[in-house]
């Protein structure tokens, strides 16, 4: 399972116009989300999450300015993945830093 996620991260990190880099925090967030899904839901839900995340990251790579600037931290952009999860990322030139995969039930005030 983790091998598939790491492949997805590597695949999405390469694009002609933009480069996507995962922060340690974003990797930790992804591991926590996947652990939760694996422990509490079926393989189908895990695969569905991976597919949604892959599509969302593809959209960010194609047009990183399509998602709004976060009202909590203006250096970050916010891409809602689902009712439960939001992707926060920073755009610096042609580099996209994936900052957080945020579980929406947590306190957003901690986003830096």
Protein backbone atom coordinates (compact mmCIF):
# COMPACT_ATOMS: atom_id res chain seq x y z
CA UNK A 1 0.00 0.00 0.00
CA UNK A 2 2.64 2.53 1.03
CA UNK A 3 4.67 1.57 -2.05
CA UNK A 4 1.73 2.66 -4.25
CA UNK A 5 1.49 5.97 -2.42
CA UNK A 6 5.22 6.62 -2.77
CA UNK A 7 4.97 5.88 -6.51
CA UNK A 8 2.06 8.31 -6.75
CA UNK A 9 4.13 10.95 -4.94
CA UNK A 10 7.06 10.45 -7.31
CA UNK A 11 4.86 10.45 -10.43
CA UNK A 12 3.10 13.63 -9.43
CA UNK A 13 6.34 15.34 -8.50
CA UNK A 14 7.37 15.51 -12.16
CA UNK A 15 5.68 17.86 -14.58
CA UNK A 16 7.06 19.95 -17.43
CA UNK A 17 5.95 23.28 -15.96
CA UNK A 18 5.82 22.70 -12.21
CA UNK A 19 7.57 20.50 -9.67
CA UNK A 20 5.69 19.16 -6.68
CA UNK A 21 7.53 18.58 -3.41
CA UNK A 22 6.00 16.90 -0.39
CA UNK A 23 6.92 18.42 2.97
CA UNK A 24 7.60 16.09 5.88
CA UNK A 25 4.37 17.35 7.44
CA UNK A 26 2.34 16.45 4.33
CA UNK A 27 3.88 12.97 4.24
CA UNK A 28 3.08 12.51 7.93
CA UNK A 29 -0.50 13.69 7.29
CA UNK A 30 -0.88 11.24 4.41
CA UNK A 31 0.39 8.36 6.54
CA UNK A 32 -2.07 9.25 9.33
CA UNK A 33 -4.99 9.45 6.91
CA UNK A 34 -4.09 6.15 5.25
CA UNK A 35 -3.60 4.43 8.62
CA UNK A 36 -7.05 5.64 9.69
CA UNK A 37 -8.69 4.50 6.45
CA UNK A 38 -6.98 1.10 6.56
CA UNK A 39 -7.99 0.56 10.21
CA UNK A 40 -11.58 1.77 9.89
CA UNK A 41 -12.71 1.38 6.30
CA UNK A 42 -12.45 -1.07 3.43
CA UNK A 43 -9.78 -1.30 0.74
CA UNK A 44 -12.31 0.27 -1.63
CA UNK A 45 -12.36 3.49 0.41
CA UNK A 46 -8.55 3.54 0.59
CA UNK A 47 -8.36 3.21 -3.19
CA UNK A 48 -11.04 5.87 -3.63
CA UNK A 49 -9.05 8.29 -1.45
CA UNK A 50 -5.86 7.59 -3.42
CA UNK A 51 -7.69 8.19 -6.71
CA UNK A 52 -9.21 11.48 -5.48
CA UNK A 53 -5.85 12.66 -4.16
CA UNK A 54 -4.13 11.76 -7.43
CA UNK A 55 -6.71 13.72 -9.47
CA UNK A 56 -6.51 16.70 -7.11
CA UNK A 57 -2.71 16.82 -7.31
CA UNK A 58 -2.89 16.53 -11.10
CA UNK A 59 -5.17 19.60 -11.14
CA UNK A 60 -2.79 21.51 -8.88
CA UNK A 61 0.13 20.64 -11.17
CA UNK A 62 -1.76 21.66 -14.31
CA UNK A 63 -2.97 24.98 -12.90
CA UNK A 64 -1.74 25.74 -9.37
CA UNK A 65 -3.52 29.10 -9.26
CA UNK A 66 -6.98 27.58 -9.81
CA UNK A 67 -7.54 27.08 -6.08
CA UNK A 68 -8.12 30.02 -3.71
CA UNK A 69 -5.63 31.55 -1.33
CA UNK A 70 -6.24 30.40 2.24
CA UNK A 71 -7.88 32.97 4.49
CA UNK A 72 -5.97 31.50 7.45
CA UNK A 73 -2.55 31.74 5.84
CA UNK A 74 -2.26 33.87 2.68
CA UNK A 75 0.98 32.20 1.53
CA UNK A 76 -0.94 28.92 1.13
CA UNK A 77 -3.60 27.86 -1.35
CA UNK A 78 -6.45 25.61 -0.33
CA UNK A 79 -7.85 22.76 -2.43
CA UNK A 80 -10.79 20.93 -0.87
CA UNK A 81 -10.36 17.23 -1.58
CA UNK A 82 -13.48 16.05 0.25
CA UNK A 83 -15.76 17.04 3.09
CA UNK A 84 -13.14 15.53 5.41
CA UNK A 85 -9.85 16.60 3.81
CA UNK A 86 -8.27 19.78 2.43
CA UNK A 87 -4.93 20.06 0.63
CA UNK A 88 -2.84 23.13 1.49
CA UNK A 89 0.08 24.03 -0.75
CA UNK A 90 2.45 26.89 -1.44
CA UNK A 91 3.46 28.08 -4.89
CA UNK A 92 6.94 29.57 -5.27
CA UNK A 93 7.82 30.17 -8.91
CA UNK A 94 7.52 26.81 -10.64
CA UNK A 95 7.79 24.88 -7.36
CA UNK A 96 4.70 23.63 -5.52
CA UNK A 97 5.25 22.68 -1.90
CA UNK A 98 2.53 20.39 -0.57
CA UNK A 99 2.31 21.72 2.98
CA UNK A 100 -0.57 19.80 4.61
CA UNK A 101 -3.25 17.24 4.00
CA UNK A 102 -5.60 18.69 6.56
CA UNK A 103 -8.35 16.68 8.24
CA UNK A 104 -11.18 19.20 8.47
CA UNK A 105 -12.31 18.15 11.94
CA UNK A 106 -9.05 19.53 13.38
CA UNK A 107 -8.47 23.14 14.43
CA UNK A 108 -7.40 25.10 11.36
CA UNK A 109 -5.86 27.88 13.45
CA UNK A 110 -2.66 25.79 13.67
CA UNK A 111 -1.98 26.06 9.91
CA UNK A 112 1.33 27.91 9.46
